[in-house]
Protein backbone atom coordinates (compact mmCIF):
# COMPACT_ATOMS: atom_id res chain seq x y z
CA MET A 1 106.69 38.37 -48.64
CA LYS A 2 104.33 35.08 -48.61
CA TYR A 3 101.49 34.87 -46.75
CA LEU A 4 99.21 31.85 -45.67
CA GLN A 5 96.90 30.42 -48.01
CA GLU A 6 93.10 30.61 -47.83
CA GLN A 7 90.92 27.45 -48.05
CA ASP A 8 88.43 28.11 -51.39
CA ARG A 9 84.65 28.24 -49.45
CA GLU A 10 83.60 25.77 -52.40
CA GLN A 11 85.88 23.05 -51.42
CA LEU A 12 84.63 20.02 -50.25
CA HIS A 13 86.20 18.01 -47.16
CA ILE A 14 87.13 14.07 -47.40
CA PHE A 15 86.53 14.01 -44.25
CA PRO A 16 83.83 15.38 -42.75
CA VAL A 17 83.47 16.32 -38.87
CA THR A 18 80.87 15.61 -36.79
CA MET A 19 79.37 18.27 -34.18
CA GLU A 20 80.57 15.38 -31.50
CA ALA A 21 83.96 15.66 -32.47
CA SER A 22 83.86 19.38 -32.82
CA ILE A 23 83.62 19.88 -28.82
CA GLY A 24 85.84 19.08 -26.84
CA THR A 25 85.97 16.62 -23.62
CA ASP A 26 86.23 19.26 -20.87
CA ASN A 27 84.16 21.82 -22.99
CA LYS A 28 81.62 22.96 -20.30
CA VAL A 29 78.26 22.64 -22.57
CA ARG A 30 78.74 18.33 -21.37
CA MET A 31 79.12 19.33 -17.68
CA ILE A 32 75.45 21.06 -18.89
CA GLU A 33 74.27 18.45 -20.70
CA LEU A 34 74.47 15.93 -18.56
CA PHE A 35 73.69 18.15 -15.31
CA VAL A 36 70.15 19.14 -17.04
CA GLU A 37 69.49 15.65 -18.23
CA GLY A 38 69.65 14.64 -14.86
CA LEU A 39 67.25 16.28 -13.17
CA SER A 40 63.49 15.99 -13.03
CA MET A 41 61.48 18.96 -14.52
CA GLU A 42 58.44 17.87 -13.23
CA GLU A 43 59.68 17.76 -9.60
CA LEU A 44 61.30 21.37 -10.09
CA GLY A 45 57.94 22.81 -11.11
CA PHE A 46 58.88 22.94 -15.17
CA LYS A 47 56.11 23.73 -16.74
CA THR A 48 55.67 20.09 -19.00
CA ASP A 49 52.42 19.56 -20.27
CA PHE A 50 51.52 21.24 -23.30
CA VAL A 51 48.52 21.12 -25.71
CA GLU A 52 49.34 17.71 -28.15
CA ASN A 53 47.52 19.74 -31.90
CA GLY A 54 49.56 21.49 -33.65
CA ARG A 55 54.09 21.61 -33.23
CA PRO A 56 55.11 19.71 -30.87
CA ALA A 57 56.70 21.48 -28.25
CA TYR A 58 60.24 22.26 -27.22
CA HIS A 59 61.55 19.46 -24.67
CA PRO A 60 61.76 22.59 -21.51
CA LYS A 61 65.81 20.61 -20.59
CA ASP A 62 66.63 21.64 -24.11
CA LEU A 63 65.54 25.31 -23.09
CA LEU A 64 66.78 25.12 -19.29
CA LYS A 65 70.46 23.94 -21.55
CA LEU A 66 70.13 27.06 -23.46
CA PHE A 67 69.81 29.67 -20.45
CA LEU A 68 71.92 27.79 -18.34
CA TYR A 69 74.77 28.12 -21.48
CA GLY A 70 73.47 32.04 -21.79
CA TYR A 71 73.66 32.93 -18.09
CA MET A 72 77.46 31.26 -18.01
CA ASN A 73 78.36 33.78 -21.19
CA ARG A 74 76.67 36.58 -19.90
CA ILE A 75 73.87 36.58 -22.72
CA ARG A 76 70.75 37.24 -21.45
CA SER A 77 69.09 38.70 -24.25
CA SER A 78 66.15 35.76 -25.65
CA ARG A 79 66.98 37.29 -29.36
CA GLU A 80 70.37 36.50 -28.53
CA LEU A 81 70.06 33.37 -27.63
CA GLU A 82 68.25 32.40 -30.86
CA LYS A 83 71.52 33.94 -32.65
CA GLU A 84 73.62 31.55 -31.03
CA THR A 85 71.78 28.65 -31.69
CA ARG A 86 72.18 28.93 -35.97
CA ARG A 87 75.81 30.30 -35.59
CA ASN A 88 77.63 28.87 -32.53
CA ILE A 89 78.98 25.48 -33.15
CA GLU A 90 78.89 24.85 -28.82
CA VAL A 91 74.76 25.41 -28.98
CA MET A 92 74.38 23.69 -32.01
CA TRP A 93 76.23 20.47 -30.16
CA LEU A 94 74.40 21.24 -26.96
CA LEU A 95 70.82 21.56 -28.42
CA LYS A 96 71.01 18.69 -30.89
CA GLY A 97 70.49 21.42 -33.85
CA LEU A 98 67.29 22.42 -32.34
CA ASN A 99 66.84 26.58 -33.00
CA PRO A 100 63.99 27.83 -31.04
CA ASP A 101 63.24 31.44 -31.74
CA HIS A 102 63.37 34.46 -29.28
CA ASN A 103 59.59 34.01 -28.57
CA THR A 104 59.60 31.00 -26.94
CA ILE A 105 62.96 30.76 -25.24
CA SER A 106 61.59 34.37 -24.06
CA ASN A 107 57.99 32.12 -22.73
CA PHE A 108 60.04 29.54 -21.18
CA ARG A 109 61.51 31.89 -18.56
CA ARG A 110 58.38 33.82 -17.95
CA ASP A 111 56.71 30.24 -17.81
CA ASN A 112 59.37 29.13 -15.10
CA PRO A 113 60.53 31.21 -12.15
CA ASN A 114 60.11 29.26 -9.31
CA ALA A 115 61.18 26.35 -11.08
CA ILE A 116 64.85 28.21 -12.24
CA LYS A 117 65.44 29.13 -8.75
CA LYS A 118 65.06 25.56 -8.00
CA VAL A 119 67.58 24.88 -10.37
CA PHE A 120 70.56 27.21 -8.70
CA ARG A 121 69.43 24.86 -5.48
CA ALA A 122 69.78 21.29 -7.35
CA THR A 123 73.36 22.95 -8.46
CA VAL A 124 74.47 23.12 -4.78
CA ALA A 125 72.76 19.49 -3.88
CA LEU A 126 75.26 18.23 -6.74
CA ALA A 127 78.44 20.28 -5.35
CA LYS A 128 77.17 18.76 -1.55
CA ASN A 129 76.86 15.06 -3.40
CA PHE A 130 80.58 15.32 -4.77
CA ASN A 131 81.54 16.98 -1.29
CA LEU A 132 82.47 20.47 -2.68
CA ILE A 133 80.93 22.09 -0.04
CA GLY A 134 82.85 21.76 3.12
CA GLY A 135 80.40 23.65 4.94
CA LYS A 136 82.43 24.67 7.74
CA LEU A 137 83.29 28.45 6.83
CA LEU A 138 80.83 30.46 5.48
CA ALA A 139 80.85 34.10 4.16
CA GLY A 140 78.52 36.67 3.27
CA ASP A 141 78.63 39.97 1.61
CA SER A 142 75.85 42.17 -0.83
CA THR A 143 76.35 44.29 -4.36
CA LYS A 144 73.59 46.42 -5.24
CA LEU A 145 72.12 45.89 -8.38
CA ARG A 146 69.95 49.10 -9.95
CA ALA A 147 66.57 48.71 -10.97
CA GLN A 148 64.49 49.58 -13.75
CA ASN A 149 63.13 52.32 -11.67
CA SER A 150 64.28 55.77 -12.12
CA LYS A 151 64.93 58.11 -8.87
CA LYS A 152 61.66 60.53 -10.26
CA ASN A 153 59.82 57.66 -9.92
CA ASN A 154 60.14 57.07 -6.25
CA TYR A 155 58.48 58.88 -3.69
CA ASN A 156 58.81 58.75 0.03
CA GLU A 157 56.32 60.80 2.26
CA LYS A 158 58.38 63.75 2.33
CA LYS A 159 58.20 64.28 -1.68
CA ILE A 160 55.01 63.67 -2.62
CA GLN A 161 54.31 66.61 -0.19
CA ARG A 162 55.99 68.75 -1.64
CA HIS A 163 54.65 67.75 -5.21
CA LEU A 164 50.84 68.08 -3.41
CA ASP A 165 52.16 71.47 -1.96
CA TYR A 166 53.60 72.69 -6.18
CA ILE A 167 50.39 71.75 -6.99
CA GLU A 168 47.94 73.17 -4.69
CA ASN A 169 49.77 76.87 -5.37
CA LYS A 170 49.65 76.14 -8.86
CA LEU A 171 45.41 76.37 -8.91
CA LYS A 172 45.53 78.43 -6.51
CA GLU A 173 47.28 80.94 -9.17
CA TYR A 174 45.14 79.40 -11.76
CA GLU A 175 41.63 79.82 -9.74
CA GLN A 176 42.98 84.02 -9.19
CA GLN A 177 43.58 84.99 -12.33
CA LEU A 178 40.40 83.19 -13.80
CA SER A 179 38.34 85.30 -11.45
CA GLU A 180 40.09 88.32 -13.04
CA ASN A 181 40.20 87.23 -16.53
CA ASP A 182 38.54 90.58 -17.67
CA GLY A 183 36.22 88.26 -20.99
CA ASP A 184 39.11 87.27 -22.78
CA LYS A 185 37.60 83.74 -23.91
CA GLU A 186 40.76 82.32 -24.98
CA ASN A 187 43.05 82.68 -22.41
CA GLU A 188 39.48 81.28 -19.79
CA GLN A 189 39.79 77.93 -21.62
CA GLU A 190 43.49 78.11 -21.15
CA LEU A 191 43.69 79.23 -17.50
CA LYS A 192 40.57 75.79 -17.10
CA GLN A 193 42.72 73.68 -19.38
CA GLN A 194 45.91 73.81 -16.74
CA ILE A 195 42.85 73.49 -13.35
CA GLU A 196 41.94 70.42 -14.57
CA THR A 197 45.24 69.24 -15.59
CA GLN A 198 46.77 70.63 -12.30
CA GLN A 199 44.00 68.28 -10.64
CA GLN A 200 44.45 65.29 -12.36
CA ARG A 201 48.35 65.80 -10.94
CA LYS A 202 47.15 65.75 -7.39
CA GLN A 203 44.57 62.67 -7.60
CA SER A 204 47.81 60.60 -9.15
CA TYR A 205 49.67 62.02 -6.52
CA GLU A 206 47.10 61.09 -3.56
CA ASN A 207 47.28 57.65 -4.80
CA ILE A 208 50.97 57.08 -4.58
CA GLN A 209 50.74 58.31 -0.76
CA LYS A 210 47.36 56.26 -0.48
CA GLN A 211 49.64 53.27 -1.84
CA LEU A 212 52.84 54.68 0.64
CA VAL A 213 50.41 54.37 3.73
CA GLU A 214 48.61 50.91 2.93
CA SER A 215 52.20 49.22 2.66
CA GLY A 216 53.45 50.68 5.84
CA GLU A 217 57.02 51.04 3.95
CA VAL A 218 59.11 54.56 3.88
CA GLN A 219 58.94 54.97 -0.07
CA VAL A 220 57.11 53.42 -2.77
CA SER A 221 58.78 53.24 -6.34
CA THR A 222 56.12 53.61 -9.28
CA SER A 223 57.44 51.70 -11.92
CA ASP A 224 59.58 48.55 -10.59
CA PRO A 225 56.93 48.34 -6.89
CA GLU A 226 59.85 46.37 -4.54
CA SER A 227 63.11 48.74 -5.56
CA ARG A 228 64.38 51.64 -2.88
CA GLN A 229 66.65 53.79 -2.86
CA MET A 230 69.85 53.20 -1.47
CA ILE A 231 73.07 53.86 -1.29
CA THR A 232 74.72 52.11 -3.73
CA ARG A 233 78.66 53.43 -3.97
CA ASN A 234 80.98 56.65 -2.86
CA ASN A 235 77.26 58.07 -1.03
CA ILE A 236 75.78 57.65 -4.17
CA THR A 237 71.67 57.31 -4.15
CA GLU A 238 70.37 55.24 -6.75
CA VAL A 239 66.52 52.72 -6.87
CA ALA A 240 68.03 49.24 -6.63
CA TYR A 241 67.75 45.75 -5.48
CA ASN A 242 70.67 44.57 -2.57
CA ILE A 243 72.09 41.07 -3.73
CA GLN A 244 72.12 38.86 -0.50
CA THR A 245 74.96 36.12 -1.41
CA THR A 246 76.42 33.44 0.60
CA VAL A 247 79.28 31.69 -0.29
CA ASP A 248 81.35 28.35 1.15
CA ASP A 249 85.37 28.72 1.94
CA GLN A 250 85.94 25.15 0.52
CA HIS A 251 85.59 26.02 -2.96
CA ASN A 252 84.25 29.71 -3.15
CA ILE A 253 81.00 27.88 -4.21
CA PRO A 254 77.62 29.97 -3.44
CA ILE A 255 75.36 27.93 -2.08
CA ASP A 256 72.37 31.17 -1.73
CA PHE A 257 71.42 34.51 -2.76
CA ASN A 258 68.28 36.49 -1.77
CA VAL A 259 66.84 39.87 -3.44
CA THR A 260 65.86 42.28 -1.16
CA ASN A 261 65.04 46.08 -0.76
CA GLN A 262 66.97 47.04 2.32
CA ASN A 263 70.38 47.28 3.26
CA ASP A 264 73.09 45.01 5.22
CA SER A 265 72.11 46.30 8.72
CA LYS A 266 68.81 43.93 8.35
CA ALA A 267 69.93 41.10 5.80
CA MET A 268 72.27 38.84 8.73
CA GLY A 269 69.71 37.08 10.50
CA ASP A 270 67.56 35.79 7.56
CA MET A 271 70.49 34.84 5.55
CA LEU A 272 71.98 32.62 8.23
CA ARG A 273 68.18 30.85 9.02
CA ARG A 274 68.97 30.13 5.49
CA ALA A 275 72.60 28.84 5.34
CA LYS A 276 71.14 26.62 8.06
CA VAL A 277 68.82 24.58 6.05
CA ILE A 278 70.86 24.70 2.82
CA ILE A 279 73.80 22.73 5.21
CA GLY A 280 71.82 20.62 7.51
CA ASN A 281 73.18 22.07 10.82
CA ASN A 282 74.23 24.73 12.58
CA THR A 283 77.62 24.14 13.08
CA PHE A 284 79.33 26.87 10.69
CA THR A 285 81.06 29.89 10.94
CA ALA A 286 79.69 32.67 9.57
CA LEU A 287 81.77 35.83 8.19
CA TYR A 288 80.47 39.47 7.51
CA ASP A 289 81.64 42.87 7.59
CA LYS A 290 81.16 45.53 9.27
CA GLY A 291 78.23 46.72 7.29
CA TYR A 292 76.36 44.06 8.79
CA HIS A 293 77.04 44.67 12.56
CA THR A 294 73.54 45.00 13.97
CA GLY A 295 72.47 43.95 16.97
CA SER A 296 69.13 42.07 16.62
CA GLU A 297 70.76 40.29 14.21
CA PHE A 298 73.40 38.79 16.28
CA GLU A 299 70.14 37.77 19.03
CA LYS A 300 68.79 36.48 15.99
CA ALA A 301 72.36 34.33 15.57
CA ALA A 302 72.86 33.31 18.78
CA GLU A 303 68.93 32.34 18.85
CA LEU A 304 70.07 29.71 15.80
CA GLY A 305 72.56 28.50 17.27
CA ILE A 306 75.31 29.93 14.35
CA GLU A 307 78.63 31.90 15.68
CA VAL A 308 79.63 34.94 13.64
CA LEU A 309 82.22 36.91 13.40
CA VAL A 310 81.26 40.25 11.93
CA ALA A 311 84.14 43.19 11.34
CA ILE A 312 83.35 46.14 14.02
CA PRO A 313 82.77 49.75 12.53
CA ALA A 314 85.34 52.25 14.23
CA VAL A 315 83.22 54.21 16.78
CA ALA A 316 83.85 58.09 17.54
CA ALA A 317 85.81 59.20 20.43
CA ASN A 318 82.91 59.95 22.77
CA ALA A 319 84.89 61.25 25.36
CA PRO A 320 87.53 64.66 25.17
CA ASP A 321 90.04 62.81 26.56
CA GLU A 322 89.88 58.67 25.06
CA ALA A 323 91.13 57.56 28.69
CA TYR A 324 87.59 57.99 29.62
CA ASN A 325 85.28 56.45 26.23
CA MET A 326 82.74 54.42 26.66
CA GLU A 327 85.52 51.23 26.56
CA HIS A 328 87.27 51.87 29.66
CA PHE A 329 83.42 52.09 31.94
CA ARG A 330 82.84 48.45 33.47
CA TYR A 331 80.22 46.35 33.68
CA GLU A 332 78.63 45.07 36.48
CA ALA A 333 76.06 42.57 35.24
CA ALA A 334 74.71 41.64 38.86
CA GLY A 335 73.97 45.12 39.77
CA ASP A 336 73.35 46.59 36.71
CA TYR A 337 75.19 49.12 36.74
CA TYR A 338 78.87 50.83 35.31
CA VAL A 339 81.99 51.84 37.29
CA CYS A 340 84.26 55.21 35.40
CA PRO A 341 87.72 54.86 35.84
CA GLN A 342 87.65 56.72 38.88
CA GLY A 343 85.73 54.33 40.69
CA SER A 344 81.99 55.90 40.89
CA GLU A 345 78.67 53.79 40.10
CA LEU A 346 76.83 55.36 37.56
CA HIS A 347 73.51 53.80 37.71
CA THR A 348 69.98 53.00 36.14
CA ASN A 349 66.23 54.07 36.86
CA GLY A 350 65.06 51.12 34.44
CA THR A 351 63.25 52.97 32.00
CA TRP A 352 63.75 51.45 28.46
CA TYR A 353 64.58 54.28 26.24
CA GLN A 354 63.14 53.61 22.34
CA SER A 355 65.26 54.38 19.34
CA LYS A 356 65.35 53.84 15.98
CA ALA A 357 68.75 51.37 16.44
CA ALA A 358 67.41 49.29 19.52
CA PRO A 359 66.09 50.04 23.07
CA PHE A 360 68.20 51.03 25.97
CA LYS A 361 68.59 52.18 28.98
CA GLN A 362 70.50 55.14 30.42
CA TYR A 363 73.37 55.09 33.08
CA LYS A 364 74.35 57.72 35.87
CA THR A 365 76.20 59.32 38.44
CA PRO A 366 75.48 62.23 40.96
CA ASP A 367 79.83 61.95 41.23
CA CYS A 368 79.88 63.96 37.65
CA LYS A 369 79.45 67.37 40.14
CA ALA A 370 82.64 67.47 41.84
CA CYS A 371 84.53 65.11 39.89
CA PRO A 372 88.46 66.19 39.40
CA VAL A 373 88.71 65.44 35.60
CA ARG A 374 84.87 65.64 34.84
CA GLU A 375 86.03 68.31 31.72
CA LEU A 376 88.15 65.32 30.50
CA CYS A 377 84.97 63.18 30.80
CA THR A 378 82.82 64.69 29.37
CA THR A 379 81.34 67.86 27.47
CA SER A 380 77.26 68.19 29.38
CA ILE A 381 77.94 70.80 31.91
CA ARG A 382 74.17 69.46 33.44
CA ASN A 383 73.64 65.99 32.84
CA GLY A 384 77.18 65.28 33.29
CA LYS A 385 78.31 61.85 31.75
CA VAL A 386 75.27 59.54 30.35
CA VAL A 387 75.73 56.47 29.32
CA GLN A 388 73.24 54.09 26.94
CA ARG A 389 73.18 50.22 26.96
CA ASN A 390 71.08 49.36 24.35
CA LYS A 391 69.49 45.62 24.44
CA TYR A 392 71.77 43.84 22.53
CA VAL A 393 75.17 45.16 23.71
CA ALA A 394 75.86 41.06 25.28
CA TYR A 395 75.91 39.86 21.49
CA ILE A 396 77.89 42.59 20.45
CA GLU A 397 80.53 41.96 22.74
CA ALA A 398 80.58 38.25 22.52
CA ASN A 399 81.14 39.15 18.43
CA LYS A 400 84.36 41.75 19.89
CA GLN A 401 85.48 38.79 22.14
CA ARG A 402 85.30 35.89 18.96
CA ILE A 403 87.01 38.71 16.72
CA GLN A 404 89.57 39.04 19.37
CA GLN A 405 90.05 35.60 19.99
CA ASN A 406 90.76 34.63 15.92
CA GLN A 407 93.34 37.20 15.01
């Protein structure tokens, strides 16, 4: 059987091929070249002044081209990017044969973090100039990115106190053993060493406790300070970051991202504010899933003048018979009271109560005591039906109406 014949590696080619001819006209590296060459590195904030003595520096545009190529091809390692400059014809063409080492590449990334962020803004501005961003309908979502910090190096007040209590018990145990020591010098020295070790651990946890109090947060991470423990998937918790992203619907182009350490429930307002600046107006509509369904964030959207459509989370039935669930109680805004399905009025004493979610008022009626359908409406024998109305209900109801109108 015949096989294809390989070429001799020592054979000379009569028609040498240039790097330019090796790169197709539709190759993405040509896009990187055009984009970067059109940027003003000084305006973006890249470091452009270098010491004149010694070997000439690499131009920041060349290093940015390599950096962008790496991210587009999922090559983040500085050492791997260095290898690509010597074996990848696309990179050779892009850098015109330059071979920066991994230290140079790493230093460029380290020295220009804010400028690199502005490059993303420049891509969005370019897309706007080419009318690739509609600016009419946006969608926001998030993804969790695991941090370098492990769970054992993430602390809340309860966890810190548990460690301190354990250490305190061990210290008492060692001190008791030391007081009962019968003159065994070797054992005495070992106990003193154990006591010193536990005292050092105690000081370390007290420092973490102080850091937690001063931060005003509910948790603190020691090796990756800005990361937080959060639910990532299938109710699994990880120490992570939450990456918020906003995408324009016309060509599914991301126009913004923000690395946060909070869950989605408090993210919508800030992302809408940023989108308003990027788009240049507030006439767009923004879509979000049920994780963003928070009254205070609806208020922020209304203050920005932006229409949002947020998926409504399922609400557990709060009455024995669904005919007496909350949605069947009519609210009369003029008199600030509710009317139940039986026609009774539920009034409030005007007091605002505090909860983790939002301030709320309670509405009750004395008619519950003699109501013939009381057992269908509530399981509370003492208080009867109690309706809670939080501060943001008007915004939540407005979102519900928009959802219904767009179905």
